Amino acid sequence: MADEEGRWYDAEAGPLVRLYAVTSGRARTGGEHLDLMTVIHAAPPVVPAPGLSPERASILRLCARRPSPVADIASDSHLPLAVVRVLLGDLLQAGLIRATPPVPVAQLPDARILRRVIDGLRDL
């Protein structure tokens, strides 16, 4: 139904640009996989390239403020995670951002070693 300005949509309609249009129909990045905890940094100097889409420019501004994990960028940009990963992949290929993978979880020491440490502390 059209309103007084001739618009046929309302706030409940959601975004006018479909998400597949934002990513040019892609569902995956062409490069490396970005983990949820991969920290994204804006590559200096932070100068938005001409012709950068509003979504990509918004993500670049978020990264320029402070390095952020992929999950936080998706939350702050109000875009689905899959879309953010594709857009980050584009920015990464353009050299506008850098990605630092998360530090792998350290292996826990063997239980025997822990027992020896405890015993050694008790002997002190």
Protein backbone atom coordinates (compact mmCIF):
# COMPACT_ATOMS: atom_id res chain seq x y z
CA MET A 1 0.00 0.00 0.00
CA ALA A 2 1.42 3.41 -0.96
CA ASP A 3 1.77 6.17 1.62
CA GLU A 4 1.31 9.91 1.15
CA GLU A 5 4.81 10.18 -0.39
CA GLY A 6 4.09 7.42 -2.86
CA ARG A 7 6.25 4.79 -1.14
CA TRP A 8 4.87 1.27 -1.15
CA TYR A 9 7.09 0.02 1.68
CA ASP A 10 7.30 0.67 5.41
CA ALA A 11 9.79 0.13 8.23
CA GLU A 12 8.72 -3.51 8.52
CA ALA A 13 9.79 -4.22 4.92
CA GLY A 14 13.45 -4.33 5.93
CA PRO A 15 16.37 -3.26 3.77
CA LEU A 16 15.56 -2.22 0.23
CA VAL A 17 18.77 -3.71 -1.14
CA ARG A 18 18.77 -7.47 -0.80
CA LEU A 19 21.84 -8.96 0.85
CA TYR A 20 22.77 -11.02 -2.21
CA ALA A 21 23.00 -7.75 -4.14
CA VAL A 22 25.43 -6.34 -1.55
CA THR A 23 27.76 -9.32 -2.06
CA SER A 24 27.20 -9.55 -5.84
CA GLY A 25 25.52 -12.91 -5.34
CA ARG A 26 28.53 -14.47 -3.58
CA ALA A 27 28.12 -16.52 -0.43
CA ARG A 28 31.82 -17.15 0.22
CA THR A 29 35.04 -15.19 0.14
CA GLY A 30 37.51 -15.89 -2.61
CA GLY A 31 40.47 -15.86 -0.21
CA GLU A 32 41.19 -17.01 3.28
CA HIS A 33 38.55 -18.12 5.76
CA LEU A 34 37.89 -15.53 8.45
CA ASP A 35 37.25 -17.06 11.86
CA LEU A 36 34.78 -15.36 14.22
CA MET A 37 37.67 -14.24 16.41
CA THR A 38 39.96 -13.06 13.59
CA VAL A 39 40.89 -9.47 14.45
CA ILE A 40 40.49 -7.00 11.60
CA HIS A 41 42.69 -3.88 11.41
CA ALA A 42 42.34 -1.02 8.95
CA ALA A 43 45.49 -0.85 6.84
CA PRO A 44 47.10 2.59 7.04
CA PRO A 45 46.49 5.04 5.60
CA VAL A 46 42.74 4.69 6.07
CA VAL A 47 41.41 6.29 2.91
CA PRO A 48 38.15 4.92 1.50
CA ALA A 49 38.62 3.98 -2.12
CA PRO A 50 36.35 5.75 -4.59
CA GLY A 51 33.41 3.61 -5.59
CA LEU A 52 33.39 1.69 -2.30
CA SER A 53 29.87 0.52 -1.46
CA PRO A 54 28.21 2.04 1.63
CA GLU A 55 28.41 -1.31 3.45
CA ARG A 56 32.12 -1.73 2.73
CA ALA A 57 32.82 1.90 3.69
CA SER A 58 30.91 1.41 6.95
CA ILE A 59 32.92 -1.70 7.79
CA LEU A 60 36.16 0.13 6.96
CA ARG A 61 35.17 2.97 9.32
CA LEU A 62 34.45 0.44 12.08
CA CYS A 63 37.88 -1.12 11.60
CA ALA A 64 39.57 2.30 11.54
CA ARG A 65 38.14 3.18 14.96
CA ARG A 66 39.68 0.13 16.63
CA PRO A 67 40.75 -3.36 15.62
CA SER A 68 37.75 -5.67 16.04
CA PRO A 69 36.94 -9.36 15.73
CA VAL A 70 34.80 -10.44 12.79
CA ALA A 71 31.90 -11.26 15.13
CA ASP A 72 31.90 -7.71 16.57
CA ILE A 73 32.02 -6.17 13.10
CA ALA A 74 28.98 -8.21 12.07
CA SER A 75 27.13 -7.11 15.19
CA ASP A 76 28.09 -3.43 14.88
CA SER A 77 27.27 -3.28 11.16
CA HIS A 78 23.86 -4.96 11.61
CA LEU A 79 24.64 -7.33 8.74
CA PRO A 80 24.60 -11.14 8.76
CA LEU A 81 27.93 -12.80 9.48
CA ALA A 82 28.10 -14.47 6.05
CA VAL A 83 27.67 -11.10 4.31
CA VAL A 84 30.30 -9.46 6.53
CA ARG A 85 32.78 -12.24 5.75
CA VAL A 86 32.32 -11.69 2.01
CA LEU A 87 32.69 -7.91 2.35
CA LEU A 88 35.77 -8.32 4.57
CA GLY A 89 37.25 -10.65 1.96
CA ASP A 90 36.77 -7.92 -0.65
CA LEU A 91 38.41 -5.31 1.58
CA LEU A 92 41.26 -7.71 2.35
CA GLN A 93 41.91 -8.35 -1.34
CA ALA A 94 41.85 -4.59 -1.98
CA GLY A 95 44.52 -4.12 0.72
CA LEU A 96 42.31 -1.84 2.83
CA ILE A 97 42.36 -4.10 5.90
CA ARG A 98 44.63 -6.65 7.58
CA ALA A 99 43.48 -9.81 9.33
CA THR A 100 45.19 -11.29 12.38
CA PRO A 101 44.10 -14.87 13.02
CA PRO A 102 43.23 -15.83 16.59
CA VAL A 103 45.92 -17.33 18.77
CA PRO A 104 45.43 -21.10 18.94
CA VAL A 105 44.38 -22.51 22.27
CA ALA A 106 47.43 -23.71 24.17
CA GLN A 107 47.73 -27.41 24.84
CA LEU A 108 47.28 -28.28 28.49
CA PRO A 109 50.27 -29.96 30.06
CA ASP A 110 50.17 -33.61 30.91
CA ALA A 111 48.48 -34.45 34.23
CA ARG A 112 51.69 -36.10 35.46
CA ILE A 113 53.61 -32.85 35.02
CA LEU A 114 50.95 -30.93 36.91
CA ARG A 115 51.11 -33.49 39.73
CA ARG A 116 54.90 -33.07 39.92
CA VAL A 117 54.56 -29.28 40.10
CA ILE A 118 52.00 -29.56 42.90
CA ASP A 119 54.22 -31.99 44.77
CA GLY A 120 57.21 -29.68 44.30
CA LEU A 121 55.26 -26.71 45.64
CA ARG A 122 54.21 -28.69 48.68
CA ASP A 123 57.82 -29.63 49.36
CA LEU A 124 58.75 -25.93 49.57
